Amino acid sequence: MPVTAVEELPTAPRTAHAPATLAPLPASAELAAEIATQKKITEDLRTLQASMAEAESRMQAQYAQLVRQSSEALKVRQQLEEERERVRVASAAAEPATSADTKTVKSTEAKW
């Protein structure tokens, strides 16, 4: 026979049993040791996390310094190349004039 709304079902009051979330765990040395171990692990993880964050910030600072130094080295290299080109052009321009001067001097020496 199906249960209908008119029939009374046997029920227990909600306060008769404590919910599992409120029931305290039995005291145990093993449980206390496990909790202590977990607390130590958590503390070690937090220490490690702080150490990693510090190392990361140091590495980022070193990387930024390396980028700046690389940029400066590239600028110096470009300036050096420009200066070498200027010296080449200046020496190439001075060479024909020197050659002409020596030819003139040689020809004058021969005449005297």
Foldseek 3Di string as FASTA:
>chain_A
DDDDPPDDDDDDDPPPDDDPVPDDDDDDPVVVVVVVVVVVVVVVVVVVVVVVVVVVVVVVVVVVVVVVVVVVVVVVVVVVVVVVVVVVVVCVVVVVVVVVVVVVVVVVVVVD
